[in-house]
Amino acid sequence: MAHRVRDLDGVYDGDVSAAYHHPGGAYGRADVRHVGNVHYYDDGAKILQKADTYTLANLRLGWLYGNWDVYAFVRNLTDKKSINSFKFIPMTGKPQL
């Protein structure tokens, strides 16, 4: 079992994982990730936006047989909307006074 918790100005992010391996080859793993409030700039609306907190769960079930690994993986088990990427565009030009 692994976990990580981070506190940034009272906003908590954290990850928890648990795995089980049976001697017969079956295994499973569950991952849960919680993300606190995220602020981002929406260039289309030209304003700073705030995304709500969200919690994601992933699940992996499989079977190891010799050199073979057969598994099923479900990402975002609860189908929650989340921020999964952003684009950083540096500002260019001279500052306006």
PDB file of N, CA and C in Angstrom:
ATOM      1  N   MET A   1       0.855  -1.174   0.000  1.00  0.00           N
ATOM      2  CA  MET A   1       0.000   0.000   0.000  1.00  0.00           C
ATOM      3  C   MET A   1       0.893   1.226   0.000  1.00  0.00           C
ATOM      4  N   ALA A   2       0.567   2.181  -0.834  1.00  0.00           N
ATOM      5  CA  ALA A   2       1.327   3.422  -0.918  1.00  0.00           C
ATOM      6  C   ALA A   2       0.370   4.591  -0.807  1.00  0.00           C
ATOM      7  N   HIS A   3       0.865   5.703  -0.324  1.00  0.00           N
ATOM      8  CA  HIS A   3       0.032   6.900  -0.264  1.00  0.00           C
ATOM      9  C   HIS A   3       0.902   8.145  -0.322  1.00  0.00           C
ATOM     10  N   ARG A   4       0.288   9.241  -0.728  1.00  0.00           N
ATOM     11  CA  ARG A   4       0.946  10.541  -0.794  1.00  0.00           C
ATOM     12  C   ARG A   4      -0.110  11.591  -0.509  1.00  0.00           C
ATOM     13  N   VAL A   5       0.211  12.541   0.346  1.00  0.00           N
ATOM     14  CA  VAL A   5      -0.699  13.649   0.639  1.00  0.00           C
ATOM     15  C   VAL A   5       0.114  14.924   0.568  1.00  0.00           C
ATOM     16  N   ARG A   6      -0.435  15.933  -0.049  1.00  0.00           N
ATOM     17  CA  ARG A   6       0.248  17.209  -0.205  1.00  0.00           C
ATOM     18  C   ARG A   6      -0.716  18.319   0.172  1.00  0.00           C
ATOM     19  N   ASP A   7      -0.249  19.289   0.936  1.00  0.00           N
ATOM     20  CA  ASP A   7      -1.076  20.420   1.351  1.00  0.00           C
ATOM     21  C   ASP A   7      -0.470  21.695   0.779  1.00  0.00           C
ATOM     22  N   LEU A   8      -1.210  22.358  -0.092  1.00  0.00           N
ATOM     23  CA  LEU A   8      -0.778  23.636  -0.654  1.00  0.00           C
ATOM     24  C   LEU A   8      -1.814  24.684  -0.278  1.00  0.00           C
ATOM     25  N   ASP A   9      -1.482  25.513   0.669  1.00  0.00           N
ATOM     26  CA  ASP A   9      -2.382  26.583   1.105  1.00  0.00           C
ATOM     27  C   ASP A   9      -3.762  26.058   1.492  1.00  0.00           C
ATOM     28  N   GLY A  10      -3.812  24.963   2.232  1.00  0.00           N
ATOM     29  CA  GLY A  10      -5.090  24.433   2.694  1.00  0.00           C
ATOM     30  C   GLY A  10      -5.842  23.606   1.677  1.00  0.00           C
ATOM     31  N   VAL A  11      -5.269  23.370   0.494  1.00  0.00           N
ATOM     32  CA  VAL A  11      -5.891  22.542  -0.530  1.00  0.00           C
ATOM     33  C   VAL A  11      -5.148  21.211  -0.542  1.00  0.00           C
ATOM     34  N   TYR A  12      -5.864  20.127  -0.339  1.00  0.00           N
ATOM     35  CA  TYR A  12      -5.223  18.825  -0.217  1.00  0.00           C
ATOM     36  C   TYR A  12      -5.314  18.020  -1.504  1.00  0.00           C
ATOM     37  N   ASP A  13      -4.175  17.419  -1.870  1.00  0.00           N
ATOM     38  CA  ASP A  13      -4.091  16.438  -2.941  1.00  0.00           C
ATOM     39  C   ASP A  13      -3.568  15.160  -2.311  1.00  0.00           C
ATOM     40  N   GLY A  14      -3.980  14.017  -2.817  1.00  0.00           N
ATOM     41  CA  GLY A  14      -3.452  12.777  -2.260  1.00  0.00           C
ATOM     42  C   GLY A  14      -3.715  11.582  -3.145  1.00  0.00           C
ATOM     43  N   ASP A  15      -2.862  10.572  -3.002  1.00  0.00           N
ATOM     44  CA  ASP A  15      -2.977   9.311  -3.730  1.00  0.00           C
ATOM     45  C   ASP A  15      -2.905   8.155  -2.741  1.00  0.00           C
ATOM     46  N   VAL A  16      -3.716   7.140  -2.974  1.00  0.00           N
ATOM     47  CA  VAL A  16      -3.658   5.918  -2.180  1.00  0.00           C
ATOM     48  C   VAL A  16      -3.753   4.748  -3.159  1.00  0.00           C
ATOM     49  N   SER A  17      -2.892   3.748  -2.967  1.00  0.00           N
ATOM     50  CA  SER A  17      -2.895   2.554  -3.813  1.00  0.00           C
ATOM     51  C   SER A  17      -2.830   1.312  -2.942  1.00  0.00           C
ATOM     52  N   ALA A  18      -3.490   0.253  -3.397  1.00  0.00           N
ATOM     53  CA  ALA A  18      -3.414  -1.037  -2.715  1.00  0.00           C
ATOM     54  C   ALA A  18      -3.362  -2.125  -3.784  1.00  0.00           C
ATOM     55  N   ALA A  19      -2.507  -3.141  -3.546  1.00  0.00           N
ATOM     56  CA  ALA A  19      -2.357  -4.231  -4.511  1.00  0.00           C
ATOM     57  C   ALA A  19      -2.345  -5.562  -3.776  1.00  0.00           C
ATOM     58  N   TYR A  20      -2.799  -6.615  -4.496  1.00  0.00           N
ATOM     59  CA  TYR A  20      -2.781  -7.967  -3.948  1.00  0.00           C
ATOM     60  C   TYR A  20      -2.319  -8.920  -5.053  1.00  0.00           C
ATOM     61  N   HIS A  21      -1.390  -9.818  -4.714  1.00  0.00           N
ATOM     62  CA  HIS A  21      -0.909 -10.834  -5.651  1.00  0.00           C
ATOM     63  C   HIS A  21      -1.126 -12.210  -5.028  1.00  0.00           C
ATOM     64  N   HIS A  22      -1.915 -13.030  -5.680  1.00  0.00           N
ATOM     65  CA  HIS A  22      -2.164 -14.390  -5.208  1.00  0.00           C
ATOM     66  C   HIS A  22      -1.058 -15.299  -5.766  1.00  0.00           C
ATOM     67  N   PRO A  23      -0.584 -16.269  -4.990  1.00  0.00           N
ATOM     68  CA  PRO A  23       0.462 -17.168  -5.477  1.00  0.00           C
ATOM     69  C   PRO A  23       0.086 -17.912  -6.773  1.00  0.00           C
ATOM     70  N   GLY A  24      -1.205 -18.090  -7.030  1.00  0.00           N
ATOM     71  CA  GLY A  24      -1.655 -18.760  -8.252  1.00  0.00           C
ATOM     72  C   GLY A  24      -1.562 -17.900  -9.496  1.00  0.00           C
ATOM     73  N   GLY A  25      -1.235 -16.613  -9.352  1.00  0.00           N
ATOM     74  CA  GLY A  25      -1.060 -15.741 -10.512  1.00  0.00           C
ATOM     75  C   GLY A  25      -2.064 -14.605 -10.608  1.00  0.00           C
ATOM     76  N   ALA A  26      -3.205 -14.705  -9.940  1.00  0.00           N
ATOM     77  CA  ALA A  26      -4.197 -13.627  -9.996  1.00  0.00           C
ATOM     78  C   ALA A  26      -3.701 -12.430  -9.181  1.00  0.00           C
ATOM     79  N   TYR A  27      -4.029 -11.243  -9.657  1.00  0.00           N
ATOM     80  CA  TYR A  27      -3.651 -10.040  -8.920  1.00  0.00           C
ATOM     81  C   TYR A  27      -4.661  -8.926  -9.168  1.00  0.00           C
ATOM     82  N   GLY A  28      -4.617  -7.947  -8.309  1.00  0.00           N
ATOM     83  CA  GLY A  28      -5.480  -6.781  -8.452  1.00  0.00           C
ATOM     84  C   GLY A  28      -4.812  -5.563  -7.844  1.00  0.00           C
ATOM     85  N   ARG A  29      -5.182  -4.412  -8.339  1.00  0.00           N
ATOM     86  CA  ARG A  29      -4.646  -3.156  -7.823  1.00  0.00           C
ATOM     87  C   ARG A  29      -5.719  -2.086  -7.963  1.00  0.00           C
ATOM     88  N   ALA A  30      -5.849  -1.278  -6.926  1.00  0.00           N
ATOM     89  CA  ALA A  30      -6.780  -0.142  -6.950  1.00  0.00           C
ATOM     90  C   ALA A  30      -6.001   1.121  -6.600  1.00  0.00           C
ATOM     91  N   ASP A  31      -6.255   2.179  -7.333  1.00  0.00           N
ATOM     92  CA  ASP A  31      -5.621   3.476  -7.105  1.00  0.00           C
ATOM     93  C   ASP A  31      -6.716   4.518  -6.947  1.00  0.00           C
ATOM     94  N   VAL A  32      -6.581   5.365  -5.950  1.00  0.00           N
ATOM     95  CA  VAL A  32      -7.516   6.467  -5.743  1.00  0.00           C
ATOM     96  C   VAL A  32      -6.697   7.747  -5.652  1.00  0.00           C
ATOM     97  N   ARG A  33      -7.117   8.767  -6.379  1.00  0.00           N
ATOM     98  CA  ARG A  33      -6.426  10.056  -6.364  1.00  0.00           C
ATOM     99  C   ARG A  33      -7.433  11.159  -6.094  1.00  0.00           C
ATOM    100  N   HIS A  34      -7.116  12.005  -5.114  1.00  0.00           N
ATOM    101  CA  HIS A  34      -7.953  13.162  -4.812  1.00  0.00           C
ATOM    102  C   HIS A  34      -7.164  14.416  -5.163  1.00  0.00           C
ATOM    103  N   VAL A  35      -7.812  15.335  -5.864  1.00  0.00           N
ATOM    104  CA  VAL A  35      -7.187  16.600  -6.260  1.00  0.00           C
ATOM    105  C   VAL A  35      -8.039  17.730  -5.706  1.00  0.00           C
ATOM    106  N   GLY A  36      -7.390  18.630  -4.980  1.00  0.00           N
ATOM    107  CA  GLY A  36      -8.083  19.786  -4.422  1.00  0.00           C
ATOM    108  C   GLY A  36      -8.413  20.814  -5.493  1.00  0.00           C
ATOM    109  N   ASN A  37      -8.915  21.949  -5.082  1.00  0.00           N
ATOM    110  CA  ASN A  37      -9.270  23.010  -6.033  1.00  0.00           C
ATOM    111  C   ASN A  37      -8.072  23.407  -6.883  1.00  0.00           C
ATOM    112  N   VAL A  38      -8.303  23.567  -8.177  1.00  0.00           N
ATOM    113  CA  VAL A  38      -7.260  23.949  -9.118  1.00  0.00           C
ATOM    114  C   VAL A  38      -7.690  25.246  -9.786  1.00  0.00           C
ATOM    115  N   HIS A  39      -6.792  26.209  -9.852  1.00  0.00           N
ATOM    116  CA  HIS A  39      -7.066  27.463 -10.551  1.00  0.00           C
ATOM    117  C   HIS A  39      -6.307  27.457 -11.875  1.00  0.00           C
ATOM    118  N   TYR A  40      -6.959  27.918 -12.912  1.00  0.00           N
ATOM    119  CA  TYR A  40      -6.323  27.971 -14.226  1.00  0.00           C
ATOM    120  C   TYR A  40      -6.880  29.160 -14.999  1.00  0.00           C
ATOM    121  N   TYR A  41      -6.098  29.627 -15.966  1.00  0.00           N
ATOM    122  CA  TYR A  41      -6.520  30.751 -16.795  1.00  0.00           C
ATOM    123  C   TYR A  41      -7.187  30.218 -18.047  1.00  0.00           C
ATOM    124  N   ASP A  42      -8.418  30.635 -18.269  1.00  0.00           N
ATOM    125  CA  ASP A  42      -9.175  30.252 -19.459  1.00  0.00           C
ATOM    126  C   ASP A  42      -8.962  31.345 -20.500  1.00  0.00           C
ATOM    127  N   ASP A  43      -8.117  31.046 -21.483  1.00  0.00           N
ATOM    128  CA  ASP A  43      -7.773  32.061 -22.483  1.00  0.00           C
ATOM    129  C   ASP A  43      -8.974  32.435 -23.345  1.00  0.00           C
ATOM    130  N   GLY A  44      -9.896  31.504 -23.553  1.00  0.00           N
ATOM    131  CA  GLY A  44     -11.088  31.817 -24.351  1.00  0.00           C
ATOM    132  C   GLY A  44     -11.980  32.828 -23.657  1.00  0.00           C
ATOM    133  N   ALA A  45     -12.179  32.676 -22.355  1.00  0.00           N
ATOM    134  CA  ALA A  45     -13.030  33.593 -21.586  1.00  0.00           C
ATOM    135  C   ALA A  45     -12.235  34.758 -21.012  1.00  0.00           C
ATOM    136  N   LYS A  46     -10.908  34.670 -21.059  1.00  0.00           N
ATOM    137  CA  LYS A  46      -9.998  35.711 -20.552  1.00  0.00           C
ATOM    138  C   LYS A  46     -10.189  35.965 -19.058  1.00  0.00           C
ATOM    139  N   ILE A  47     -10.438  34.893 -18.301  1.00  0.00           N
ATOM    140  CA  ILE A  47     -10.584  35.029 -16.851  1.00  0.00           C
ATOM    141  C   ILE A  47      -9.937  33.831 -16.146  1.00  0.00           C
ATOM    142  N   LEU A  48      -9.658  34.016 -14.872  1.00  0.00           N
ATOM    143  CA  LEU A  48      -9.143  32.937 -14.044  1.00  0.00           C
ATOM    144  C   LEU A  48     -10.314  32.075 -13.591  1.00  0.00           C
ATOM    145  N   GLN A  49     -10.225  30.778 -13.838  1.00  0.00           N
ATOM    146  CA  GLN A  49     -11.292  29.845 -13.486  1.00  0.00           C
ATOM    147  C   GLN A  49     -10.854  28.990 -12.302  1.00  0.00           C
ATOM    148  N   LYS A  50     -11.817  28.417 -11.622  1.00  0.00           N
ATOM    149  CA  LYS A  50     -11.540  27.506 -10.520  1.00  0.00           C
ATOM    150  C   LYS A  50     -12.265  26.195 -10.784  1.00  0.00           C
ATOM    151  N   ALA A  51     -11.498  25.102 -10.850  1.00  0.00           N
ATOM    152  CA  ALA A  51     -12.090  23.776 -11.022  1.00  0.00           C
ATOM    153  C   ALA A  51     -12.346  23.188  -9.643  1.00  0.00           C
ATOM    154  N   ASP A  52     -13.469  22.532  -9.476  1.00  0.00           N
ATOM    155  CA  ASP A  52     -13.812  21.911  -8.204  1.00  0.00           C
ATOM    156  C   ASP A  52     -12.895  20.734  -7.906  1.00  0.00           C
ATOM    157  N   THR A  53     -12.891  20.319  -6.653  1.00  0.00           N
ATOM    158  CA  THR A  53     -12.140  19.132  -6.267  1.00  0.00           C
ATOM    159  C   THR A  53     -12.735  17.907  -6.950  1.00  0.00           C
ATOM    160  N   TYR A  54     -11.916  16.900  -7.143  1.00  0.00           N
ATOM    161  CA  TYR A  54     -12.414  15.652  -7.711  1.00  0.00           C
ATOM    162  C   TYR A  54     -11.589  14.483  -7.190  1.00  0.00           C
ATOM    163  N   THR A  55     -12.195  13.304  -7.238  1.00  0.00           N
ATOM    164  CA  THR A  55     -11.536  12.078  -6.822  1.00  0.00           C
ATOM    165  C   THR A  55     -11.680  11.058  -7.944  1.00  0.00           C
ATOM    166  N   LEU A  56     -10.556  10.462  -8.349  1.00  0.00           N
ATOM    167  CA  LEU A  56     -10.542   9.469  -9.419  1.00  0.00           C
ATOM    168  C   LEU A  56     -10.169   8.107  -8.856  1.00  0.00           C
ATOM    169  N   ALA A  57     -10.733   7.056  -9.429  1.00  0.00           N
ATOM    170  CA  ALA A  57     -10.398   5.686  -9.025  1.00  0.00           C
ATOM    171  C   ALA A  57     -10.061   4.876 -10.273  1.00  0.00           C
ATOM    172  N   ASN A  58      -8.961   4.128 -10.208  1.00  0.00           N
ATOM    173  CA  ASN A  58      -8.544   3.235 -11.287  1.00  0.00           C
ATOM    174  C   ASN A  58      -8.475   1.817 -10.733  1.00  0.00           C
ATOM    175  N   LEU A  59      -8.735   0.828 -11.574  1.00  0.00           N
ATOM    176  CA  LEU A  59      -8.736  -0.564 -11.137  1.00  0.00           C
ATOM    177  C   LEU A  59      -8.046  -1.428 -12.188  1.00  0.00           C
ATOM    178  N   ARG A  60      -7.187  -2.340 -11.726  1.00  0.00           N
ATOM    179  CA  ARG A  60      -6.506  -3.278 -12.621  1.00  0.00           C
ATOM    180  C   ARG A  60      -6.632  -4.679 -12.029  1.00  0.00           C
ATOM    181  N   LEU A  61      -7.158  -5.622 -12.821  1.00  0.00           N
ATOM    182  CA  LEU A  61      -7.278  -7.019 -12.430  1.00  0.00           C
ATOM    183  C   LEU A  61      -6.585  -7.862 -13.489  1.00  0.00           C
ATOM    184  N   GLY A  62      -5.799  -8.828 -13.050  1.00  0.00           N
ATOM    185  CA  GLY A  62      -5.067  -9.616 -14.032  1.00  0.00           C
ATOM    186  C   GLY A  62      -4.644 -10.974 -13.529  1.00  0.00           C
ATOM    187  N   TRP A  63      -3.920 -11.667 -14.427  1.00  0.00           N
ATOM    188  CA  TRP A  63      -3.424 -12.999 -14.132  1.00  0.00           C
ATOM    189  C   TRP A  63      -2.063 -13.155 -14.781  1.00  0.00           C
ATOM    190  N   LEU A  64      -1.067 -13.538 -13.980  1.00  0.00           N
ATOM    191  CA  LEU A  64       0.277 -13.803 -14.471  1.00  0.00           C
ATOM    192  C   LEU A  64       0.431 -15.303 -14.709  1.00  0.00           C
ATOM    193  N   TYR A  65       0.906 -15.669 -15.898  1.00  0.00           N
ATOM    194  CA  TYR A  65       1.116 -17.072 -16.231  1.00  0.00           C
ATOM    195  C   TYR A  65       2.417 -17.171 -17.021  1.00  0.00           C
ATOM    196  N   GLY A  66       3.479 -17.640 -16.367  1.00  0.00           N
ATOM    197  CA  GLY A  66       4.786 -17.693 -17.014  1.00  0.00           C
ATOM    198  C   GLY A  66       5.230 -16.295 -17.410  1.00  0.00           C
ATOM    199  N   ASN A  67       5.529 -16.106 -18.689  1.00  0.00           N
ATOM    200  CA  ASN A  67       5.928 -14.782 -19.196  1.00  0.00           C
ATOM    201  C   ASN A  67       4.732 -13.951 -19.662  1.00  0.00           C
ATOM    202  N   TRP A  68       3.533 -14.457 -19.481  1.00  0.00           N
ATOM    203  CA  TRP A  68       2.325 -13.772 -19.937  1.00  0.00           C
ATOM    204  C   TRP A  68       1.674 -12.997 -18.798  1.00  0.00           C
ATOM    205  N   ASP A  69       1.136 -11.861 -19.131  1.00  0.00           N
ATOM    206  CA  ASP A  69       0.381 -11.025 -18.186  1.00  0.00           C
ATOM    207  C   ASP A  69      -0.903 -10.611 -18.892  1.00  0.00           C
ATOM    208  N   VAL A  70      -2.005 -11.160 -18.466  1.00  0.00           N
ATOM    209  CA  VAL A  70      -3.311 -10.830 -19.051  1.00  0.00           C
ATOM    210  C   VAL A  70      -4.067 -10.012 -18.012  1.00  0.00           C
ATOM    211  N   TYR A  71      -4.546  -8.822 -18.411  1.00  0.00           N
ATOM    212  CA  TYR A  71      -5.212  -7.970 -17.430  1.00  0.00           C
ATOM    213  C   TYR A  71      -6.262  -7.088 -18.082  1.00  0.00           C
ATOM    214  N   ALA A  72      -7.121  -6.562 -17.238  1.00  0.00           N
ATOM    215  CA  ALA A  72      -8.111  -5.551 -17.631  1.00  0.00           C
ATOM    216  C   ALA A  72      -7.841  -4.323 -16.763  1.00  0.00           C
ATOM    217  N   PHE A  73      -7.907  -3.162 -17.374  1.00  0.00           N
ATOM    218  CA  PHE A  73      -7.633  -1.913 -16.668  1.00  0.00           C
ATOM    219  C   PHE A  73      -8.779  -0.947 -16.908  1.00  0.00           C
ATOM    220  N   VAL A  74      -9.301  -0.381 -15.842  1.00  0.00           N
ATOM    221  CA  VAL A  74     -10.366   0.626 -15.957  1.00  0.00           C
ATOM    222  C   VAL A  74      -9.824   1.936 -15.395  1.00  0.00           C
ATOM    223  N   ARG A  75      -9.723   2.940 -16.251  1.00  0.00           N
ATOM    224  CA  ARG A  75      -9.271   4.264 -15.834  1.00  0.00           C
ATOM    225  C   ARG A  75     -10.504   5.123 -15.549  1.00  0.00           C
ATOM    226  N   ASN A  76     -10.451   5.861 -14.453  1.00  0.00           N
ATOM    227  CA  ASN A  76     -11.546   6.747 -14.072  1.00  0.00           C
ATOM    228  C   ASN A  76     -12.845   5.948 -13.907  1.00  0.00           C
ATOM    229  N   LEU A  77     -12.809   5.020 -13.001  1.00  0.00           N
ATOM    230  CA  LEU A  77     -13.905   4.080 -12.749  1.00  0.00           C
ATOM    231  C   LEU A  77     -15.255   4.771 -12.543  1.00  0.00           C
ATOM    232  N   THR A  78     -15.265   5.931 -11.893  1.00  0.00           N
ATOM    233  CA  THR A  78     -16.520   6.635 -11.600  1.00  0.00           C
ATOM    234  C   THR A  78     -16.898   7.645 -12.681  1.00  0.00           C
ATOM    235  N   ASP A  79     -16.082   7.753 -13.744  1.00  0.00           N
ATOM    236  CA  ASP A  79     -16.343   8.643 -14.880  1.00  0.00           C
ATOM    237  C   ASP A  79     -16.466  10.110 -14.457  1.00  0.00           C
ATOM    238  N   LYS A  80     -15.603  10.545 -13.549  1.00  0.00           N
ATOM    239  CA  LYS A  80     -15.597  11.946 -13.105  1.00  0.00           C
ATOM    240  C   LYS A  80     -14.857  12.808 -14.117  1.00  0.00           C
ATOM    241  N   LYS A  81     -15.314  14.044 -14.291  1.00  0.00           N
ATOM    242  CA  LYS A  81     -14.579  14.990 -15.113  1.00  0.00           C
ATOM    243  C   LYS A  81     -13.366  15.470 -14.333  1.00  0.00           C
ATOM    244  N   SER A  82     -12.250  15.600 -15.030  1.00  0.00           N
ATOM    245  CA  SER A  82     -11.025  16.024 -14.365  1.00  0.00           C
ATOM    246  C   SER A  82     -10.149  16.802 -15.333  1.00  0.00           C
ATOM    247  N   ILE A  83      -9.211  17.529 -14.775  1.00  0.00           N
ATOM    248  CA  ILE A  83      -8.217  18.218 -15.590  1.00  0.00           C
ATOM    249  C   ILE A  83      -7.078  17.230 -15.792  1.00  0.00           C
ATOM    250  N   ASN A  84      -6.825  16.858 -17.045  1.00  0.00           N
ATOM    251  CA  ASN A  84      -5.758  15.895 -17.283  1.00  0.00           C
ATOM    252  C   ASN A  84      -4.591  16.475 -18.068  1.00  0.00           C
ATOM    253  N   SER A  85      -4.719  17.714 -18.520  1.00  0.00           N
ATOM    254  CA  SER A  85      -3.597  18.359 -19.195  1.00  0.00           C
ATOM    255  C   SER A  85      -3.859  19.853 -19.297  1.00  0.00           C
ATOM    256  N   PHE A  86      -2.808  20.581 -19.540  1.00  0.00           N
ATOM    257  CA  PHE A  86      -2.932  22.005 -19.801  1.00  0.00           C
ATOM    258  C   PHE A  86      -1.816  22.412 -20.736  1.00  0.00           C
ATOM    259  N   LYS A  87      -1.952  23.564 -21.332  1.00  0.00           N
ATOM    260  CA  LYS A  87      -0.953  24.048 -22.270  1.00  0.00           C
ATOM    261  C   LYS A  87      -0.364  25.337 -21.722  1.00  0.00           C
ATOM    262  N   PHE A  88       0.929  25.368 -21.615  1.00  0.00           N
ATOM    263  CA  PHE A  88       1.621  26.559 -21.131  1.00  0.00           C
ATOM    264  C   PHE A  88       2.123  27.345 -22.319  1.00  0.00           C
ATOM    265  N   ILE A  89       1.698  28.587 -22.415  1.00  0.00           N
ATOM    266  CA  ILE A  89       2.152  29.463 -23.492  1.00  0.00           C
ATOM    267  C   ILE A  89       2.810  30.679 -22.837  1.00  0.00           C
ATOM    268  N   PRO A  90       4.122  30.822 -23.004  1.00  0.00           N
ATOM    269  CA  PRO A  90       4.799  31.959 -22.368  1.00  0.00           C
ATOM    270  C   PRO A  90       4.356  33.289 -22.998  1.00  0.00           C
ATOM    271  N   MET A  91       4.331  34.319 -22.187  1.00  0.00           N
ATOM    272  CA  MET A  91       3.983  35.651 -22.682  1.00  0.00           C
ATOM    273  C   MET A  91       5.185  36.215 -23.413  1.00  0.00           C
ATOM    274  N   THR A  92       4.929  36.867 -24.524  1.00  0.00           N
ATOM    275  CA  THR A  92       6.026  37.461 -25.304  1.00  0.00           C
ATOM    276  C   THR A  92       5.747  38.929 -25.508  1.00  0.00           C
ATOM    277  N   GLY A  93       6.751  39.629 -25.968  1.00  0.00           N
ATOM    278  CA  GLY A  93       6.589  41.052 -26.234  1.00  0.00           C
ATOM    279  C   GLY A  93       7.018  41.885 -25.044  1.00  0.00           C
ATOM    280  N   LYS A  94       6.973  43.194 -25.232  1.00  0.00           N
ATOM    281  CA  LYS A  94       7.362  44.104 -24.161  1.00  0.00           C
ATOM    282  C   LYS A  94       6.176  44.393 -23.255  1.00  0.00           C
ATOM    283  N   PRO A  95       6.436  44.514 -21.953  1.00  0.00           N
ATOM    284  CA  PRO A  95       5.337  44.839 -21.040  1.00  0.00           C
ATOM    285  C   PRO A  95       4.740  46.208 -21.341  1.00  0.00           C
ATOM    286  N   GLN A  96       3.452  46.327 -21.179  1.00  0.00           N
ATOM    287  CA  GLN A  96       2.763  47.594 -21.373  1.00  0.00           C
ATOM    288  C   GLN A  96       2.764  48.372 -20.055  1.00  0.00           C
ATOM    289  N   LEU A  97       3.054  49.643 -20.126  1.00  0.00           N
ATOM    290  CA  LEU A  97       3.034  50.489 -18.929  1.00  0.00           C
ATOM    291  C   LEU A  97       1.800  51.334 -18.888  1.00  0.00           C
TER     292      LEU A  97
END
